[in-house]
N, C-alpha and C. Protein backbone atom coordinates (compact mmCIF):
# COMPACT_ATOMS: atom_id res chain seq x y z
N MET A 1 -11.12 -16.01 2.72
CA MET A 1 -10.06 -17.62 2.90
C MET A 1 -8.50 -16.55 2.63
N PRO A 2 -7.49 -17.48 2.81
CA PRO A 2 -6.31 -16.76 2.86
C PRO A 2 -5.88 -17.11 1.32
N LEU A 3 -4.99 -16.53 0.75
CA LEU A 3 -4.39 -16.82 -0.60
C LEU A 3 -3.34 -17.98 -0.52
N SER A 4 -3.32 -18.71 -1.56
CA SER A 4 -2.37 -19.85 -1.16
C SER A 4 -0.57 -19.17 -1.59
N SER A 5 0.47 -19.26 -1.09
CA SER A 5 1.64 -18.91 -1.56
C SER A 5 1.99 -18.92 -2.73
N GLU A 6 1.30 -20.07 -3.53
CA GLU A 6 1.73 -20.21 -5.17
C GLU A 6 0.55 -19.19 -5.87
N TYR A 7 -0.29 -18.99 -5.40
CA TYR A 7 -1.15 -17.67 -6.07
C TYR A 7 -0.45 -16.47 -6.07
N MET A 8 0.14 -16.31 -5.05
CA MET A 8 0.62 -14.97 -4.89
C MET A 8 1.88 -14.95 -5.66
N GLN A 9 2.75 -16.17 -5.89
CA GLN A 9 4.00 -15.88 -6.23
C GLN A 9 3.49 -15.81 -7.67
N HIS A 10 2.67 -16.53 -8.42
CA HIS A 10 2.17 -16.47 -9.45
C HIS A 10 2.14 -14.90 -10.00
N GLN A 11 1.12 -14.23 -9.07
CA GLN A 11 0.90 -12.88 -9.39
C GLN A 11 1.83 -11.79 -9.27
N ILE A 12 2.91 -12.05 -8.63
CA ILE A 12 4.13 -11.37 -8.59
C ILE A 12 5.08 -11.55 -9.71
N ASP A 13 5.29 -12.74 -10.00
CA ASP A 13 5.91 -13.40 -11.18
C ASP A 13 5.41 -12.68 -12.42
N TYR A 14 4.12 -13.14 -13.02
CA TYR A 14 3.22 -12.84 -13.82
C TYR A 14 2.20 -11.62 -14.19
N GLU A 15 2.09 -11.31 -13.18
CA GLU A 15 0.96 -10.00 -13.48
C GLU A 15 1.71 -8.78 -13.18
N ILE A 16 2.60 -8.67 -11.77
CA ILE A 16 3.55 -7.64 -11.30
C ILE A 16 4.47 -7.34 -12.02
N LEU A 17 5.60 -8.12 -11.65
CA LEU A 17 6.80 -8.04 -12.39
C LEU A 17 7.52 -8.55 -13.35
N LEU A 18 6.50 -9.11 -14.23
CA LEU A 18 6.88 -9.43 -15.66
C LEU A 18 7.91 -8.83 -16.19
N ASP A 19 8.75 -9.07 -16.80
CA ASP A 19 9.87 -8.17 -17.69
C ASP A 19 10.72 -7.01 -16.84
N CYS A 20 10.51 -7.26 -15.45
CA CYS A 20 11.41 -6.53 -14.41
C CYS A 20 13.01 -6.64 -14.32
N TYR A 21 13.65 -5.81 -14.61
CA TYR A 21 15.64 -6.42 -14.59
C TYR A 21 16.07 -5.67 -13.69
N ASP A 22 16.06 -4.29 -12.95
CA ASP A 22 16.15 -4.24 -11.94
C ASP A 22 15.52 -3.39 -10.89
N GLU A 23 16.10 -2.71 -9.90
CA GLU A 23 15.31 -2.51 -8.75
C GLU A 23 14.52 -0.93 -9.05
N TYR A 24 14.65 -0.37 -10.23
CA TYR A 24 14.07 0.84 -10.73
C TYR A 24 12.54 0.19 -10.98
N GLU A 25 12.76 -0.58 -12.16
CA GLU A 25 11.95 -1.51 -12.70
C GLU A 25 10.84 -2.05 -12.14
N ILE A 26 11.29 -2.61 -11.07
CA ILE A 26 10.70 -3.05 -9.69
C ILE A 26 9.81 -2.35 -9.14
N ALA A 27 10.17 -1.16 -8.45
CA ALA A 27 9.74 -0.24 -8.11
C ALA A 27 8.45 0.65 -9.06
N MET A 28 8.73 0.54 -10.14
CA MET A 28 7.93 1.15 -10.94
C MET A 28 6.50 -0.14 -11.53
N ALA A 29 6.77 -0.96 -11.39
CA ALA A 29 5.81 -2.22 -11.70
C ALA A 29 4.84 -1.98 -10.22
N TRP A 30 5.46 -2.07 -9.30
CA TRP A 30 4.57 -2.08 -7.93
C TRP A 30 3.82 -0.79 -8.02
N GLN A 31 4.26 0.30 -8.29
CA GLN A 31 3.34 1.67 -8.47
C GLN A 31 2.36 1.14 -9.05
N THR A 32 2.51 0.88 -10.15
CA THR A 32 1.74 0.78 -11.84
C THR A 32 0.78 -0.27 -10.98
N TYR A 33 1.14 -1.34 -10.62
CA TYR A 33 0.17 -2.26 -10.33
C TYR A 33 -1.02 -1.75 -9.15
N PHE A 34 -0.47 -0.95 -8.38
CA PHE A 34 -0.97 -0.19 -7.25
C PHE A 34 -2.19 0.59 -8.00
N GLU A 35 -1.53 1.68 -8.61
CA GLU A 35 -2.10 2.73 -9.12
C GLU A 35 -3.47 2.10 -10.28
N ASP A 36 -3.52 1.21 -10.95
CA ASP A 36 -4.04 0.42 -11.58
C ASP A 36 -5.14 -0.39 -10.85
N ASN A 37 -4.80 -0.93 -9.86
CA ASN A 37 -6.23 -2.03 -9.57
C ASN A 37 -6.29 -1.46 -7.81
N LEU A 38 -5.88 -0.66 -7.22
CA LEU A 38 -6.12 -0.53 -5.66
C LEU A 38 -7.54 0.34 -5.85
N GLU A 39 -8.33 -0.08 -5.07
CA GLU A 39 -9.74 1.29 -5.11
C GLU A 39 -9.91 1.63 -4.01
N PHE A 40 -9.84 3.10 -4.15
CA PHE A 40 -9.87 3.79 -3.22
C PHE A 40 -11.77 4.96 -3.18
N PRO A 41 -12.27 5.18 -2.35
CA PRO A 41 -11.41 5.06 -0.72
C PRO A 41 -11.44 4.15 -0.25
N PHE A 42 -10.73 3.98 0.99
CA PHE A 42 -11.34 2.75 2.23
C PHE A 42 -10.94 3.43 3.36
N THR A 43 -11.58 2.70 4.39
CA THR A 43 -10.98 3.41 5.79
C THR A 43 -9.74 2.27 6.47
N ALA A 44 -9.07 2.80 7.30
CA ALA A 44 -8.12 1.99 8.35
C ALA A 44 -8.30 3.27 9.38
N MET A 45 -7.55 2.18 10.57
CA MET A 45 -6.94 3.01 11.91
C MET A 45 -5.73 3.30 11.38
N ALA A 46 -5.04 4.72 11.98
CA ALA A 46 -3.66 5.06 11.22
C ALA A 46 -3.16 5.64 12.76
N TRP A 47 -1.88 4.91 12.56
CA TRP A 47 -1.23 5.79 14.05
C TRP A 47 -0.64 7.08 13.30
N LEU A 48 -0.87 8.26 13.98
CA LEU A 48 -0.37 9.37 13.20
C LEU A 48 0.28 10.11 14.55
N ARG A 49 1.12 10.69 14.11
CA ARG A 49 2.29 11.70 15.07
C ARG A 49 1.79 13.14 14.73
N LYS A 50 1.31 13.62 15.94
CA LYS A 50 0.96 15.32 15.51
C LYS A 50 2.54 16.09 15.92
N ARG A 51 2.16 17.51 15.83
CA ARG A 51 3.31 18.68 16.47
C ARG A 51 3.03 17.98 17.71
N GLY A 52 4.37 18.57 18.23
CA GLY A 52 5.13 18.48 20.04
C GLY A 52 5.21 16.62 20.18
N GLY A 53 5.09 15.98 19.38
CA GLY A 53 5.71 14.47 19.88
C GLY A 53 4.16 13.85 20.06
N PHE A 54 3.23 14.29 20.28
CA PHE A 54 1.97 13.87 20.27
C PHE A 54 1.70 12.54 19.32
N GLU A 55 0.97 11.26 19.90
CA GLU A 55 0.69 10.35 18.87
C GLU A 55 -0.70 10.14 19.52
N GLU A 56 -1.46 9.44 18.24
CA GLU A 56 -2.37 9.12 18.62
C GLU A 56 -2.98 7.79 17.26
N THR A 57 -4.06 7.25 17.61
CA THR A 57 -4.41 6.55 16.72
C THR A 57 -5.86 6.69 16.16
N LYS A 58 -6.53 6.84 14.76
CA LYS A 58 -7.96 7.27 14.90
C LYS A 58 -7.80 6.64 13.83
N SER A 59 -9.28 6.47 12.92
CA SER A 59 -10.20 6.22 11.89
C SER A 59 -9.90 7.12 11.10
N VAL A 60 -9.72 6.89 9.91
CA VAL A 60 -8.93 7.87 8.49
C VAL A 60 -9.73 6.98 7.36
N THR A 61 -9.88 8.24 6.42
CA THR A 61 -9.96 7.29 4.98
C THR A 61 -8.99 8.13 3.82
N VAL A 62 -8.24 6.40 3.20
CA VAL A 62 -7.49 6.65 2.72
C VAL A 62 -7.57 6.65 1.24
N VAL A 63 -7.25 7.79 0.17
CA VAL A 63 -7.61 8.51 -0.69
C VAL A 63 -6.73 8.07 -1.70
N GLY A 64 -5.77 7.43 -1.72
CA GLY A 64 -4.64 7.48 -2.92
C GLY A 64 -3.59 7.10 -2.26
N ILE A 65 -2.34 7.03 -3.62
CA ILE A 65 -1.27 6.87 -3.17
C ILE A 65 -0.51 7.41 -3.75
N PRO A 66 0.65 8.39 -3.65
CA PRO A 66 1.71 9.41 -4.34
C PRO A 66 2.22 8.97 -5.40
N ASP A 67 2.78 10.05 -6.24
CA ASP A 67 3.25 9.41 -7.42
C ASP A 67 4.78 9.00 -7.37
N ASN A 68 5.44 8.35 -6.55
CA ASN A 68 6.73 8.51 -6.11
C ASN A 68 6.92 6.59 -5.87
N GLY A 69 7.18 6.28 -7.07
CA GLY A 69 7.39 4.85 -7.25
C GLY A 69 8.95 4.23 -6.82
N MET A 70 9.64 5.06 -6.15
CA MET A 70 10.97 4.88 -5.82
C MET A 70 10.87 4.37 -4.66
N ARG A 71 9.97 4.59 -3.83
CA ARG A 71 9.55 4.61 -1.98
C ARG A 71 9.62 2.64 -1.93
N TYR A 72 9.18 1.82 -3.37
CA TYR A 72 9.19 0.26 -2.92
C TYR A 72 10.68 0.03 -3.21
N LEU A 73 11.35 0.54 -3.28
CA LEU A 73 12.66 -0.19 -3.60
C LEU A 73 13.29 -0.49 -1.80
N ASN A 74 12.24 0.49 -0.99
CA ASN A 74 12.67 -0.02 0.52
C ASN A 74 11.84 -1.02 1.06
N HIS A 75 11.06 -1.81 0.53
CA HIS A 75 9.78 -2.45 0.78
C HIS A 75 8.74 -1.68 1.43
N ASP A 76 8.74 -0.42 1.24
CA ASP A 76 7.71 0.67 1.95
C ASP A 76 7.12 2.09 0.93
N PHE A 77 5.77 2.12 0.95
CA PHE A 77 5.35 3.08 0.31
C PHE A 77 4.19 3.83 1.24
N ASN A 78 3.91 5.23 0.72
CA ASN A 78 3.06 6.07 1.39
C ASN A 78 1.62 5.97 1.09
N VAL A 79 0.89 6.10 1.84
CA VAL A 79 -0.47 6.27 1.07
C VAL A 79 -1.07 7.63 1.40
N GLU A 80 -1.88 8.24 1.07
CA GLU A 80 -2.23 9.64 0.74
C GLU A 80 -3.81 9.42 1.86
N ILE A 81 -3.96 10.07 3.00
CA ILE A 81 -5.16 10.00 3.94
C ILE A 81 -5.83 11.64 3.92
N ASP A 82 -7.26 11.34 4.04
CA ASP A 82 -7.61 12.72 4.08
C ASP A 82 -7.98 13.08 5.83
N ASN A 83 -7.25 13.86 6.52
CA ASN A 83 -7.09 13.99 8.08
C ASN A 83 -7.69 15.48 8.20
N GLU A 84 -9.16 15.18 8.70
CA GLU A 84 -9.58 16.59 8.99
C GLU A 84 -9.51 17.36 7.92
N GLY A 85 -10.26 16.94 6.37
CA GLY A 85 -9.83 17.80 5.46
C GLY A 85 -8.59 17.91 4.74
N TYR A 86 -7.57 17.82 5.43
CA TYR A 86 -6.34 17.67 4.53
C TYR A 86 -5.71 16.57 4.05
N ILE A 87 -5.12 16.68 2.96
CA ILE A 87 -4.41 15.23 2.47
C ILE A 87 -3.04 15.13 3.07
N VAL A 88 -2.72 14.05 3.57
CA VAL A 88 -1.50 14.22 4.02
C VAL A 88 -1.04 12.49 3.56
N GLN A 89 0.45 12.49 3.51
CA GLN A 89 1.09 11.08 3.29
C GLN A 89 1.67 10.58 4.89
N ILE A 90 1.15 9.13 5.26
CA ILE A 90 1.58 8.47 5.53
C ILE A 90 1.92 7.31 5.57
N PRO A 91 3.30 6.65 6.27
CA PRO A 91 3.43 5.35 5.70
C PRO A 91 2.51 4.04 5.77
N PHE A 92 2.31 3.18 4.83
CA PHE A 92 1.35 2.51 4.68
C PHE A 92 1.91 1.02 6.06
N ASP A 93 2.77 0.95 6.16
CA ASP A 93 2.94 0.12 7.83
C ASP A 93 2.27 1.00 8.66
N SER A 94 1.91 1.90 8.78
CA SER A 94 1.05 2.66 10.10
C SER A 94 -0.14 2.48 10.01
N LEU A 95 -0.70 1.83 8.90
CA LEU A 95 -2.46 1.32 8.51
C LEU A 95 -2.73 0.26 9.56
N SER A 96 -3.56 0.23 10.22
CA SER A 96 -4.20 -1.42 10.61
C SER A 96 -5.61 -1.47 10.49
N ASN A 97 -6.27 -2.58 10.96
CA ASN A 97 -7.76 -2.63 10.91
C ASN A 97 -8.63 -1.68 9.29
N ILE A 98 -7.34 -2.74 8.19
CA ILE A 98 -7.79 -1.98 6.99
C ILE A 98 -9.38 -2.53 6.56
N GLN A 99 -10.54 -1.65 5.94
CA GLN A 99 -11.54 -2.29 5.92
C GLN A 99 -11.86 -1.65 3.93
N ALA A 100 -11.58 -2.46 3.17
CA ALA A 100 -11.14 -2.22 2.07
C ALA A 100 -12.33 -3.15 1.14
N SER A 101 -12.66 -3.14 -0.31
CA SER A 101 -12.62 -4.28 -0.99
C SER A 101 -12.31 -5.00 -1.03
N ALA A 102 -12.48 -6.72 -1.30
CA ALA A 102 -11.81 -7.92 -1.51
C ALA A 102 -10.57 -7.31 -2.30
N GLN A 103 -10.70 -7.08 -3.45
CA GLN A 103 -9.88 -6.70 -4.48
C GLN A 103 -8.24 -6.32 -3.70
N THR A 104 -8.55 -5.01 -3.33
CA THR A 104 -7.66 -3.94 -2.66
C THR A 104 -7.09 -5.17 -1.50
N MET A 105 -7.81 -5.85 -0.39
CA MET A 105 -7.26 -6.56 0.62
C MET A 105 -6.26 -7.62 -0.15
N GLU A 106 -6.95 -8.36 -1.26
CA GLU A 106 -6.27 -9.16 -2.07
C GLU A 106 -4.57 -8.79 -2.83
N ILE A 107 -4.54 -7.46 -2.67
CA ILE A 107 -3.59 -6.79 -3.46
C ILE A 107 -2.56 -6.85 -2.03
N PHE A 108 -2.96 -6.36 -1.04
CA PHE A 108 -2.16 -5.93 0.14
C PHE A 108 -1.75 -7.23 0.79
N GLU A 109 -2.11 -8.17 0.44
CA GLU A 109 -1.95 -9.55 1.12
C GLU A 109 -0.68 -10.36 0.25
N ILE A 110 -0.82 -9.62 -1.14
CA ILE A 110 0.09 -10.20 -1.88
C ILE A 110 1.58 -9.14 -1.70
N TRP A 111 1.40 -7.84 -1.47
CA TRP A 111 2.47 -7.36 -0.98
C TRP A 111 3.19 -7.55 0.50
N ALA A 112 2.37 -8.14 1.24
CA ALA A 112 2.97 -8.35 2.49
C ALA A 112 3.68 -9.59 2.51
N TYR A 113 3.36 -10.74 1.54
CA TYR A 113 4.25 -11.78 1.27
C TYR A 113 4.87 -11.43 0.45
N TRP A 114 5.03 -10.74 -0.58
CA TRP A 114 6.29 -10.23 -1.40
C TRP A 114 7.74 -9.33 -0.16
N THR A 115 7.10 -8.61 0.75
CA THR A 115 8.03 -7.94 1.34
C THR A 115 8.24 -8.82 2.63
N ALA A 116 7.43 -10.24 2.87
CA ALA A 116 8.05 -10.56 4.23
C ALA A 116 9.35 -11.32 4.08
C-alpha cells in the first residue's frame, strides 16, 4: 500500500531533516539516514554504460552507498553494486525493478516524494 503524503512529510520533517539549517546539513542528514536504515544487499535492474558507449540493462546486487553526502544536494546519489566481482558506483536513478526489504522500499518512496 502506498504511503500517505502526510506520513512521508512527517518522516522527512521529524526523522530525517530535523534541525537541518542549510544544504550541507540536509545532504549529511540524508546520508546518515540512508546509512542507518537501508538494508543491503538487494537486487535491481540497472542501466549500465560500458566502454565504447555500449549500454545494457542487467540484474545487479546493490551492496551499499558510498560515503559522499554532498551528492544529495542535487537530489541524486550513487549506490555501490557488485558487477561481476567488481564494486562500482552507479547513479540510484539508473536502477529499476528494485527487490528490497519493506523498510528499504519505504525509504526509497520517501526519497522519491522529497525529490519530486
